[in-house]
Amino acid sequence: MEVTDAGGGLIRVTPTEAGLLEYEPPISNHAIANIRARLLYIPATIEREGAWRIRVQVPRHGPEVFTRVVW
């Protein structure tokens, strides 16, 4: 993290590239696990796409399939 005095009594904290690279994988893995848990009964494909994207592909189904999902 980069900490700078923004003036007026404010402090600005900005994540650095190195910090993002260190913390991004565990955060993304946790998000993917949460998505998988919520889509447990739906045959979805969940995969990482790039550094900050997660692709979720769900086969086309009627609305009755989604009534079992708790958001």
PDB file of N, CA and C in Angstrom:
ATOM      1  N   MET A   1       0.830  -1.169   0.000  1.00  0.00           N
ATOM      2  CA  MET A   1       0.000   0.000   0.000  1.00  0.00           C
ATOM      3  C   MET A   1       0.882   1.243   0.000  1.00  0.00           C
ATOM      4  N   GLU A   2       0.391   2.232  -0.686  1.00  0.00           N
ATOM      5  CA  GLU A   2       1.079   3.514  -0.721  1.00  0.00           C
ATOM      6  C   GLU A   2       0.237   4.514   0.066  1.00  0.00           C
ATOM      7  N   VAL A   3       0.826   5.128   1.069  1.00  0.00           N
ATOM      8  CA  VAL A   3       0.117   6.075   1.931  1.00  0.00           C
ATOM      9  C   VAL A   3       0.674   7.465   1.666  1.00  0.00           C
ATOM     10  N   THR A   4      -0.228   8.419   1.343  1.00  0.00           N
ATOM     11  CA  THR A   4       0.192   9.795   1.088  1.00  0.00           C
ATOM     12  C   THR A   4      -0.725  10.758   1.828  1.00  0.00           C
ATOM     13  N   ASP A   5      -0.190  11.911   2.136  1.00  0.00           N
ATOM     14  CA  ASP A   5      -0.978  12.966   2.767  1.00  0.00           C
ATOM     15  C   ASP A   5      -1.737  13.698   1.661  1.00  0.00           C
ATOM     16  N   ALA A   6      -3.060  13.641   1.688  1.00  0.00           N
ATOM     17  CA  ALA A   6      -3.882  14.269   0.655  1.00  0.00           C
ATOM     18  C   ALA A   6      -4.222  15.714   1.000  1.00  0.00           C
ATOM     19  N   GLY A   7      -3.776  16.175   2.142  1.00  0.00           N
ATOM     20  CA  GLY A   7      -4.062  17.546   2.550  1.00  0.00           C
ATOM     21  C   GLY A   7      -5.402  17.652   3.247  1.00  0.00           C
ATOM     22  N   GLY A   8      -5.566  18.680   4.019  1.00  0.00           N
ATOM     23  CA  GLY A   8      -6.825  18.901   4.713  1.00  0.00           C
ATOM     24  C   GLY A   8      -7.127  17.839   5.762  1.00  0.00           C
ATOM     25  N   GLY A   9      -6.096  17.211   6.284  1.00  0.00           N
ATOM     26  CA  GLY A   9      -6.293  16.180   7.301  1.00  0.00           C
ATOM     27  C   GLY A   9      -6.662  14.818   6.733  1.00  0.00           C
ATOM     28  N   LEU A  10      -6.606  14.679   5.406  1.00  0.00           N
ATOM     29  CA  LEU A  10      -6.944  13.401   4.775  1.00  0.00           C
ATOM     30  C   LEU A  10      -5.690  12.619   4.430  1.00  0.00           C
ATOM     31  N   ILE A  11      -5.784  11.317   4.566  1.00  0.00           N
ATOM     32  CA  ILE A  11      -4.698  10.420   4.182  1.00  0.00           C
ATOM     33  C   ILE A  11      -5.223   9.520   3.080  1.00  0.00           C
ATOM     34  N   ARG A  12      -4.467   9.409   2.002  1.00  0.00           N
ATOM     35  CA  ARG A  12      -4.871   8.571   0.874  1.00  0.00           C
ATOM     36  C   ARG A  12      -4.072   7.267   0.915  1.00  0.00           C
ATOM     37  N   VAL A  13      -4.787   6.144   0.885  1.00  0.00           N
ATOM     38  CA  VAL A  13      -4.167   4.821   0.856  1.00  0.00           C
ATOM     39  C   VAL A  13      -4.500   4.199  -0.489  1.00  0.00           C
ATOM     40  N   THR A  14      -3.460   3.884  -1.265  1.00  0.00           N
ATOM     41  CA  THR A  14      -3.629   3.349  -2.607  1.00  0.00           C
ATOM     42  C   THR A  14      -2.933   1.996  -2.701  1.00  0.00           C
ATOM     43  N   PRO A  15      -3.641   0.974  -3.178  1.00  0.00           N
ATOM     44  CA  PRO A  15      -2.972  -0.324  -3.334  1.00  0.00           C
ATOM     45  C   PRO A  15      -1.928  -0.259  -4.451  1.00  0.00           C
ATOM     46  N   THR A  16      -0.802  -0.909  -4.234  1.00  0.00           N
ATOM     47  CA  THR A  16       0.239  -0.964  -5.260  1.00  0.00           C
ATOM     48  C   THR A  16       0.017  -2.200  -6.129  1.00  0.00           C
ATOM     49  N   GLU A  17       0.678  -2.231  -7.266  1.00  0.00           N
ATOM     50  CA  GLU A  17       0.572  -3.378  -8.167  1.00  0.00           C
ATOM     51  C   GLU A  17       1.047  -4.658  -7.476  1.00  0.00           C
ATOM     52  N   ALA A  18       2.138  -4.553  -6.723  1.00  0.00           N
ATOM     53  CA  ALA A  18       2.662  -5.724  -6.002  1.00  0.00           C
ATOM     54  C   ALA A  18       1.650  -6.216  -4.963  1.00  0.00           C
ATOM     55  N   GLY A  19       1.002  -5.281  -4.290  1.00  0.00           N
ATOM     56  CA  GLY A  19      -0.014  -5.661  -3.300  1.00  0.00           C
ATOM     57  C   GLY A  19      -1.204  -6.347  -3.947  1.00  0.00           C
ATOM     58  N   LEU A  20      -1.629  -5.838  -5.085  1.00  0.00           N
ATOM     59  CA  LEU A  20      -2.744  -6.462  -5.797  1.00  0.00           C
ATOM     60  C   LEU A  20      -2.400  -7.868  -6.253  1.00  0.00           C
ATOM     61  N   LEU A  21      -1.179  -8.043  -6.756  1.00  0.00           N
ATOM     62  CA  LEU A  21      -0.767  -9.362  -7.221  1.00  0.00           C
ATOM     63  C   LEU A  21      -0.675 -10.366  -6.076  1.00  0.00           C
ATOM     64  N   GLU A  22      -0.389  -9.879  -4.870  1.00  0.00           N
ATOM     65  CA  GLU A  22      -0.295 -10.764  -3.718  1.00  0.00           C
ATOM     66  C   GLU A  22      -1.668 -11.201  -3.217  1.00  0.00           C
ATOM     67  N   TYR A  23      -2.628 -10.302  -3.207  1.00  0.00           N
ATOM     68  CA  TYR A  23      -3.925 -10.591  -2.605  1.00  0.00           C
ATOM     69  C   TYR A  23      -5.005 -11.014  -3.588  1.00  0.00           C
ATOM     70  N   GLU A  24      -4.823 -10.783  -4.869  1.00  0.00           N
ATOM     71  CA  GLU A  24      -5.869 -11.103  -5.852  1.00  0.00           C
ATOM     72  C   GLU A  24      -6.177 -12.582  -5.945  1.00  0.00           C
ATOM     73  N   PRO A  25      -5.194 -13.487  -6.056  1.00  0.00           N
ATOM     74  CA  PRO A  25      -5.537 -14.907  -6.210  1.00  0.00           C
ATOM     75  C   PRO A  25      -6.398 -15.479  -5.077  1.00  0.00           C
ATOM     76  N   PRO A  26      -6.076 -15.240  -3.797  1.00  0.00           N
ATOM     77  CA  PRO A  26      -6.946 -15.784  -2.749  1.00  0.00           C
ATOM     78  C   PRO A  26      -8.359 -15.195  -2.787  1.00  0.00           C
ATOM     79  N   ILE A  27      -8.474 -13.923  -3.125  1.00  0.00           N
ATOM     80  CA  ILE A  27      -9.794 -13.293  -3.190  1.00  0.00           C
ATOM     81  C   ILE A  27     -10.604 -13.912  -4.326  1.00  0.00           C
ATOM     82  N   SER A  28      -9.989 -14.075  -5.488  1.00  0.00           N
ATOM     83  CA  SER A  28     -10.682 -14.687  -6.624  1.00  0.00           C
ATOM     84  C   SER A  28     -11.066 -16.129  -6.335  1.00  0.00           C
ATOM     85  N   ASN A  29     -10.171 -16.886  -5.719  1.00  0.00           N
ATOM     86  CA  ASN A  29     -10.478 -18.280  -5.383  1.00  0.00           C
ATOM     87  C   ASN A  29     -11.656 -18.364  -4.421  1.00  0.00           C
ATOM     88  N   HIS A  30     -11.707 -17.457  -3.453  1.00  0.00           N
ATOM     89  CA  HIS A  30     -12.823 -17.434  -2.511  1.00  0.00           C
ATOM     90  C   HIS A  30     -14.132 -17.086  -3.230  1.00  0.00           C
ATOM     91  N   ALA A  31     -14.073 -16.133  -4.148  1.00  0.00           N
ATOM     92  CA  ALA A  31     -15.265 -15.749  -4.906  1.00  0.00           C
ATOM     93  C   ALA A  31     -15.762 -16.909  -5.764  1.00  0.00           C
ATOM     94  N   ILE A  32     -14.841 -17.624  -6.411  1.00  0.00           N
ATOM     95  CA  ILE A  32     -15.228 -18.773  -7.237  1.00  0.00           C
ATOM     96  C   ILE A  32     -15.872 -19.846  -6.374  1.00  0.00           C
ATOM     97  N   ALA A  33     -15.329 -20.102  -5.194  1.00  0.00           N
ATOM     98  CA  ALA A  33     -15.922 -21.096  -4.284  1.00  0.00           C
ATOM     99  C   ALA A  33     -17.329 -20.678  -3.863  1.00  0.00           C
ATOM    100  N   ASN A  34     -17.534 -19.390  -3.606  1.00  0.00           N
ATOM    101  CA  ASN A  34     -18.874 -18.909  -3.230  1.00  0.00           C
ATOM    102  C   ASN A  34     -19.861 -19.074  -4.379  1.00  0.00           C
ATOM    103  N   ILE A  35     -19.435 -18.765  -5.587  1.00  0.00           N
ATOM    104  CA  ILE A  35     -20.319 -18.910  -6.749  1.00  0.00           C
ATOM    105  C   ILE A  35     -20.676 -20.377  -6.950  1.00  0.00           C
ATOM    106  N   ARG A  36     -19.685 -21.265  -6.840  1.00  0.00           N
ATOM    107  CA  ARG A  36     -19.953 -22.701  -6.985  1.00  0.00           C
ATOM    108  C   ARG A  36     -20.956 -23.184  -5.942  1.00  0.00           C
ATOM    109  N   ALA A  37     -20.824 -22.705  -4.715  1.00  0.00           N
ATOM    110  CA  ALA A  37     -21.748 -23.108  -3.650  1.00  0.00           C
ATOM    111  C   ALA A  37     -23.169 -22.638  -3.939  1.00  0.00           C
ATOM    112  N   ARG A  38     -23.322 -21.453  -4.491  1.00  0.00           N
ATOM    113  CA  ARG A  38     -24.660 -20.932  -4.782  1.00  0.00           C
ATOM    114  C   ARG A  38     -25.295 -21.600  -6.000  1.00  0.00           C
ATOM    115  N   LEU A  39     -24.469 -22.055  -6.918  1.00  0.00           N
ATOM    116  CA  LEU A  39     -24.985 -22.709  -8.119  1.00  0.00           C
ATOM    117  C   LEU A  39     -24.844 -24.230  -8.027  1.00  0.00           C
ATOM    118  N   LEU A  40     -24.939 -24.747  -6.830  1.00  0.00           N
ATOM    119  CA  LEU A  40     -24.692 -26.161  -6.559  1.00  0.00           C
ATOM    120  C   LEU A  40     -25.556 -27.086  -7.408  1.00  0.00           C
ATOM    121  N   TYR A  41     -26.810 -26.764  -7.608  1.00  0.00           N
ATOM    122  CA  TYR A  41     -27.742 -27.654  -8.308  1.00  0.00           C
ATOM    123  C   TYR A  41     -27.897 -27.319  -9.785  1.00  0.00           C
ATOM    124  N   ILE A  42     -27.126 -26.373 -10.267  1.00  0.00           N
ATOM    125  CA  ILE A  42     -27.201 -25.984 -11.673  1.00  0.00           C
ATOM    126  C   ILE A  42     -25.877 -26.370 -12.333  1.00  0.00           C
ATOM    127  N   PRO A  43     -25.915 -27.056 -13.456  1.00  0.00           N
ATOM    128  CA  PRO A  43     -24.669 -27.457 -14.114  1.00  0.00           C
ATOM    129  C   PRO A  43     -23.974 -26.273 -14.785  1.00  0.00           C
ATOM    130  N   ALA A  44     -23.292 -25.466 -14.000  1.00  0.00           N
ATOM    131  CA  ALA A  44     -22.641 -24.263 -14.514  1.00  0.00           C
ATOM    132  C   ALA A  44     -21.141 -24.491 -14.660  1.00  0.00           C
ATOM    133  N   THR A  45     -20.548 -23.791 -15.611  1.00  0.00           N
ATOM    134  CA  THR A  45     -19.098 -23.781 -15.778  1.00  0.00           C
ATOM    135  C   THR A  45     -18.593 -22.475 -15.192  1.00  0.00           C
ATOM    136  N   ILE A  46     -17.685 -22.578 -14.229  1.00  0.00           N
ATOM    137  CA  ILE A  46     -17.157 -21.395 -13.544  1.00  0.00           C
ATOM    138  C   ILE A  46     -15.645 -21.425 -13.690  1.00  0.00           C
ATOM    139  N   GLU A  47     -15.089 -20.363 -14.262  1.00  0.00           N
ATOM    140  CA  GLU A  47     -13.643 -20.328 -14.468  1.00  0.00           C
ATOM    141  C   GLU A  47     -13.120 -18.903 -14.379  1.00  0.00           C
ATOM    142  N   ARG A  48     -11.869 -18.802 -14.032  1.00  0.00           N
ATOM    143  CA  ARG A  48     -11.207 -17.506 -13.964  1.00  0.00           C
ATOM    144  C   ARG A  48     -10.906 -17.046 -15.385  1.00  0.00           C
ATOM    145  N   GLU A  49     -11.145 -15.777 -15.641  1.00  0.00           N
ATOM    146  CA  GLU A  49     -10.859 -15.190 -16.955  1.00  0.00           C
ATOM    147  C   GLU A  49     -10.066 -13.918 -16.730  1.00  0.00           C
ATOM    148  N   GLY A  50      -8.761 -14.024 -16.841  1.00  0.00           N
ATOM    149  CA  GLY A  50      -7.924 -12.866 -16.576  1.00  0.00           C
ATOM    150  C   GLY A  50      -7.735 -12.666 -15.087  1.00  0.00           C
ATOM    151  N   ALA A  51      -7.176 -11.529 -14.736  1.00  0.00           N
ATOM    152  CA  ALA A  51      -6.852 -11.270 -13.333  1.00  0.00           C
ATOM    153  C   ALA A  51      -8.066 -10.926 -12.486  1.00  0.00           C
ATOM    154  N   TRP A  52      -9.033 -10.200 -13.042  1.00  0.00           N
ATOM    155  CA  TRP A  52     -10.144  -9.701 -12.227  1.00  0.00           C
ATOM    156  C   TRP A  52     -11.510 -10.124 -12.730  1.00  0.00           C
ATOM    157  N   ARG A  53     -11.584 -11.159 -13.537  1.00  0.00           N
ATOM    158  CA  ARG A  53     -12.873 -11.600 -14.067  1.00  0.00           C
ATOM    159  C   ARG A  53     -13.097 -13.076 -13.790  1.00  0.00           C
ATOM    160  N   ILE A  54     -14.351 -13.404 -13.550  1.00  0.00           N
ATOM    161  CA  ILE A  54     -14.770 -14.789 -13.389  1.00  0.00           C
ATOM    162  C   ILE A  54     -15.893 -15.021 -14.386  1.00  0.00           C
ATOM    163  N   ARG A  55     -15.740 -16.029 -15.224  1.00  0.00           N
ATOM    164  CA  ARG A  55     -16.761 -16.344 -16.219  1.00  0.00           C
ATOM    165  C   ARG A  55     -17.654 -17.450 -15.661  1.00  0.00           C
ATOM    166  N   VAL A  56     -18.963 -17.213 -15.703  1.00  0.00           N
ATOM    167  CA  VAL A  56     -19.950 -18.202 -15.280  1.00  0.00           C
ATOM    168  C   VAL A  56     -20.846 -18.477 -16.468  1.00  0.00           C
ATOM    169  N   GLN A  57     -20.836 -19.726 -16.923  1.00  0.00           N
ATOM    170  CA  GLN A  57     -21.691 -20.123 -18.036  1.00  0.00           C
ATOM    171  C   GLN A  57     -22.720 -21.120 -17.519  1.00  0.00           C
ATOM    172  N   VAL A  58     -23.984 -20.776 -17.741  1.00  0.00           N
ATOM    173  CA  VAL A  58     -25.090 -21.612 -17.286  1.00  0.00           C
ATOM    174  C   VAL A  58     -25.871 -22.048 -18.509  1.00  0.00           C
ATOM    175  N   PRO A  59     -26.130 -23.369 -18.632  1.00  0.00           N
ATOM    176  CA  PRO A  59     -26.939 -23.815 -19.759  1.00  0.00           C
ATOM    177  C   PRO A  59     -28.332 -23.188 -19.709  1.00  0.00           C
ATOM    178  N   ARG A  60     -28.937 -23.063 -20.846  1.00  0.00           N
ATOM    179  CA  ARG A  60     -30.253 -22.444 -20.917  1.00  0.00           C
ATOM    180  C   ARG A  60     -31.294 -23.357 -20.275  1.00  0.00           C
ATOM    181  N   HIS A  61     -31.965 -22.822 -19.271  1.00  0.00           N
ATOM    182  CA  HIS A  61     -33.025 -23.545 -18.561  1.00  0.00           C
ATOM    183  C   HIS A  61     -34.200 -22.606 -18.354  1.00  0.00           C
ATOM    184  N   GLY A  62     -35.313 -23.182 -18.000  1.00  0.00           N
ATOM    185  CA  GLY A  62     -36.481 -22.381 -17.670  1.00  0.00           C
ATOM    186  C   GLY A  62     -36.359 -21.803 -16.267  1.00  0.00           C
ATOM    187  N   PRO A  63     -37.271 -20.920 -15.879  1.00  0.00           N
ATOM    188  CA  PRO A  63     -37.218 -20.264 -14.566  1.00  0.00           C
ATOM    189  C   PRO A  63     -37.334 -21.244 -13.398  1.00  0.00           C
ATOM    190  N   GLU A  64     -37.928 -22.405 -13.623  1.00  0.00           N
ATOM    191  CA  GLU A  64     -38.111 -23.349 -12.517  1.00  0.00           C
ATOM    192  C   GLU A  64     -36.780 -23.841 -11.949  1.00  0.00           C
ATOM    193  N   VAL A  65     -35.730 -23.850 -12.740  1.00  0.00           N
ATOM    194  CA  VAL A  65     -34.423 -24.281 -12.251  1.00  0.00           C
ATOM    195  C   VAL A  65     -33.888 -23.299 -11.221  1.00  0.00           C
ATOM    196  N   PHE A  66     -34.124 -22.017 -11.414  1.00  0.00           N
ATOM    197  CA  PHE A  66     -33.561 -21.001 -10.542  1.00  0.00           C
ATOM    198  C   PHE A  66     -34.347 -20.819  -9.246  1.00  0.00           C
ATOM    199  N   THR A  67     -35.478 -21.473  -9.097  1.00  0.00           N
ATOM    200  CA  THR A  67     -36.218 -21.338  -7.844  1.00  0.00           C
ATOM    201  C   THR A  67     -35.506 -22.065  -6.714  1.00  0.00           C
ATOM    202  N   ARG A  68     -34.592 -22.991  -7.024  1.00  0.00           N
ATOM    203  CA  ARG A  68     -33.864 -23.716  -5.982  1.00  0.00           C
ATOM    204  C   ARG A  68     -32.624 -22.963  -5.516  1.00  0.00           C
ATOM    205  N   VAL A  69     -32.223 -21.925  -6.191  1.00  0.00           N
ATOM    206  CA  VAL A  69     -31.019 -21.196  -5.836  1.00  0.00           C
ATOM    207  C   VAL A  69     -31.356 -20.140  -4.793  1.00  0.00           C
ATOM    208  N   VAL A  70     -30.604 -20.112  -3.707  1.00  0.00           N
ATOM    209  CA  VAL A  70     -30.789 -19.103  -2.664  1.00  0.00           C
ATOM    210  C   VAL A  70     -29.740 -18.040  -2.866  1.00  0.00           C
ATOM    211  N   TRP A  71     -30.158 -16.816  -3.167  1.00  0.00           N
ATOM    212  CA  TRP A  71     -29.225 -15.718  -3.415  1.00  0.00           C
ATOM    213  C   TRP A  71     -28.944 -15.012  -2.167  1.00  0.00           C
TER     214      TRP A  71
END
